[in-house]
Protein backbone atom coordinates (compact mmCIF):
# COMPACT_ATOMS: atom_id res chain seq x y z
CA UNK A 1 -121.95 -169.41 5.60
CA UNK A 2 -124.81 -168.97 7.89
CA UNK A 3 -125.98 -172.83 9.69
CA UNK A 4 -128.06 -174.07 12.40
CA UNK A 5 -129.14 -176.54 14.20
CA UNK A 6 -132.44 -177.53 13.51
CA UNK A 7 -133.43 -180.55 14.63
CA UNK A 8 -131.45 -183.45 16.63
CA UNK A 9 -133.20 -186.68 16.95
CA UNK A 10 -133.27 -188.91 20.19
CA UNK A 11 -135.17 -192.59 20.51
CA UNK A 12 -138.03 -192.81 22.61
CA UNK A 13 -139.45 -196.60 23.96
CA UNK A 14 -142.92 -195.07 25.08
CA UNK A 15 -144.45 -191.90 23.63
CA UNK A 16 -146.62 -190.95 26.42
CA UNK A 17 -143.52 -191.15 29.00
CA UNK A 18 -141.13 -189.25 26.60
CA UNK A 19 -144.26 -186.48 26.14
CA UNK A 20 -144.51 -186.25 30.29
CA UNK A 21 -140.74 -185.86 30.41
CA UNK A 22 -140.12 -183.52 27.53
CA UNK A 23 -143.06 -181.38 27.71
CA UNK A 24 -144.45 -181.64 31.20
CA UNK A 25 -141.34 -181.53 33.53
CA UNK A 26 -139.03 -179.73 30.79
CA UNK A 27 -141.86 -177.75 29.54
CA UNK A 28 -140.76 -177.56 26.05
CA UNK A 29 -144.00 -177.37 23.27
CA UNK A 30 -144.81 -179.94 21.43
CA UNK A 31 -144.58 -178.84 17.40
CA UNK A 32 -145.51 -182.18 15.55
CA UNK A 33 -147.26 -185.60 16.61
CA UNK A 34 -147.05 -187.89 14.02
CA UNK A 35 -148.09 -191.81 14.39
CA UNK A 36 -147.50 -194.18 11.66
CA UNK A 37 -148.48 -198.03 11.50
CA UNK A 38 -148.34 -198.20 15.37
CA UNK A 39 -145.35 -195.91 15.97
CA UNK A 40 -144.84 -191.93 16.70
CA UNK A 41 -142.57 -189.43 16.22
CA UNK A 42 -142.86 -186.38 18.03
CA UNK A 43 -140.89 -183.41 17.39
CA UNK A 44 -140.57 -181.01 20.54
CA UNK A 45 -138.37 -177.83 21.52
CA UNK A 46 -138.20 -175.00 23.51
CA UNK A 47 -140.70 -172.34 23.15
CA UNK A 48 -138.61 -169.31 23.11
CA UNK A 49 -136.22 -171.48 20.59
CA UNK A 50 -138.91 -172.17 17.57
CA UNK A 51 -136.16 -172.84 15.24
CA UNK A 52 -134.41 -175.54 17.29
CA UNK A 53 -136.26 -178.58 17.91
CA UNK A 54 -136.07 -182.28 19.30
CA UNK A 55 -137.59 -185.16 17.38
CA UNK A 56 -138.24 -188.20 19.69
CA UNK A 57 -138.54 -191.40 17.41
CA UNK A 58 -139.33 -194.75 17.45
CA UNK A 59 -135.94 -196.37 17.93
CA UNK A 60 -134.62 -198.73 15.06
CA UNK A 61 -137.61 -198.09 12.75
CA UNK A 62 -134.99 -198.13 9.61
CA UNK A 63 -136.61 -201.11 7.65
CA UNK A 64 -133.18 -202.28 6.51
CA UNK A 65 -132.20 -202.94 9.97
CA UNK A 66 -131.75 -206.44 11.17
CA UNK A 67 -133.67 -207.89 14.70
CA UNK A 68 -130.31 -208.33 15.69
CA UNK A 69 -129.33 -204.72 15.18
CA UNK A 70 -132.57 -203.88 16.67
CA UNK A 71 -132.05 -205.76 19.90
CA UNK A 72 -128.70 -204.10 20.13
CA UNK A 73 -129.91 -200.53 19.75
CA UNK A 74 -132.68 -201.22 22.59
CA UNK A 75 -130.09 -202.83 24.82
CA UNK A 76 -128.08 -199.78 24.30
CA UNK A 77 -130.80 -197.30 25.00
CA UNK A 78 -131.96 -199.32 27.66
CA UNK A 79 -128.11 -198.76 29.30
CA UNK A 80 -128.14 -195.02 28.68
CA UNK A 81 -125.31 -195.61 25.86
CA UNK A 82 -126.94 -194.93 22.82
CA UNK A 83 -126.92 -191.36 22.64
CA UNK A 84 -127.04 -188.14 24.69
CA UNK A 85 -127.65 -184.31 24.22
CA UNK A 86 -126.69 -181.38 26.30
CA UNK A 87 -129.23 -178.69 27.17
CA UNK A 88 -128.26 -175.35 28.72
CA UNK A 89 -130.13 -172.95 31.22
CA UNK A 90 -129.14 -169.63 32.96
CA UNK A 91 -131.00 -171.34 36.05
CA UNK A 92 -129.60 -174.90 36.70
CA UNK A 93 -130.81 -175.62 40.07
CA UNK A 94 -134.32 -174.53 39.50
CA UNK A 95 -134.35 -176.55 36.06
CA UNK A 96 -132.84 -179.92 38.49
CA UNK A 97 -135.34 -178.98 41.43
CA UNK A 98 -138.37 -179.62 38.79
CA UNK A 99 -136.69 -182.25 37.20
CA UNK A 100 -136.52 -184.49 40.58
CA UNK A 101 -139.58 -183.02 41.63
CA UNK A 102 -141.23 -184.85 38.48
CA UNK A 103 -139.49 -188.10 39.39
CA UNK A 104 -136.98 -187.93 36.75
CA UNK A 105 -133.94 -190.37 36.96
CA UNK A 106 -131.62 -188.58 38.27
CA UNK A 107 -127.98 -189.35 36.96
CA UNK A 108 -125.76 -186.19 38.46
CA UNK A 109 -126.71 -182.98 41.02
CA UNK A 110 -125.60 -179.94 39.83
CA UNK A 111 -121.81 -180.01 40.18
CA UNK A 112 -119.25 -177.61 39.26
CA UNK A 113 -116.63 -179.85 36.86
CA UNK A 114 -113.27 -179.63 37.24
CA UNK A 115 -112.93 -178.58 33.21
CA UNK A 116 -115.07 -175.23 33.80
CA UNK A 117 -118.69 -176.53 33.64
CA UNK A 118 -121.48 -176.63 36.06
CA UNK A 119 -124.01 -178.98 35.30
CA UNK A 120 -126.51 -181.62 35.79
CA UNK A 121 -127.52 -185.07 34.33
CA UNK A 122 -130.53 -186.64 34.41
CA UNK A 123 -131.86 -189.91 32.04
CA UNK A 124 -135.11 -189.53 29.97
CA UNK A 125 -137.67 -192.35 29.90
CA UNK A 126 -135.80 -194.29 27.40
CA UNK A 127 -132.72 -193.98 28.83
CA UNK A 128 -131.17 -191.34 26.95
CA UNK A 129 -128.69 -189.09 28.97
CA UNK A 130 -129.82 -185.80 29.32
CA UNK A 131 -127.00 -183.33 30.20
CA UNK A 132 -127.86 -179.57 31.39
CA UNK A 133 -125.35 -177.46 31.85
CA UNK A 134 -125.63 -173.57 33.74
CA UNK A 135 -125.44 -170.65 31.01
CA UNK A 136 -122.38 -168.27 32.57
């Protein structure tokens, strides 16, 4: 069996700020940008990996969610406790410098972890935790 990751979903709270982070700071290409009833779903991904995408979506857009649940989701996103994604690069220091220069919210500078990974971490404009591992 051959299964691959096609798309991961991360909420955004400001589509233009999300584009500035994922397209301009991270260098991802925009693959789709769809609006519907005042909301936007933006699909981005690494240029050299056209088969793998991140879909940036409006949080709690599900019509079955209650107002209390929607508030909880938005609070968790703002605190950075709702979701996360881990990316990887062969140039961690270069990516870190680029993101820091863009004004991205630094959570952790490049660090050698005791479990054998060197990584750094940022929050995207919505508050999602973005960890970036050094490929070895």
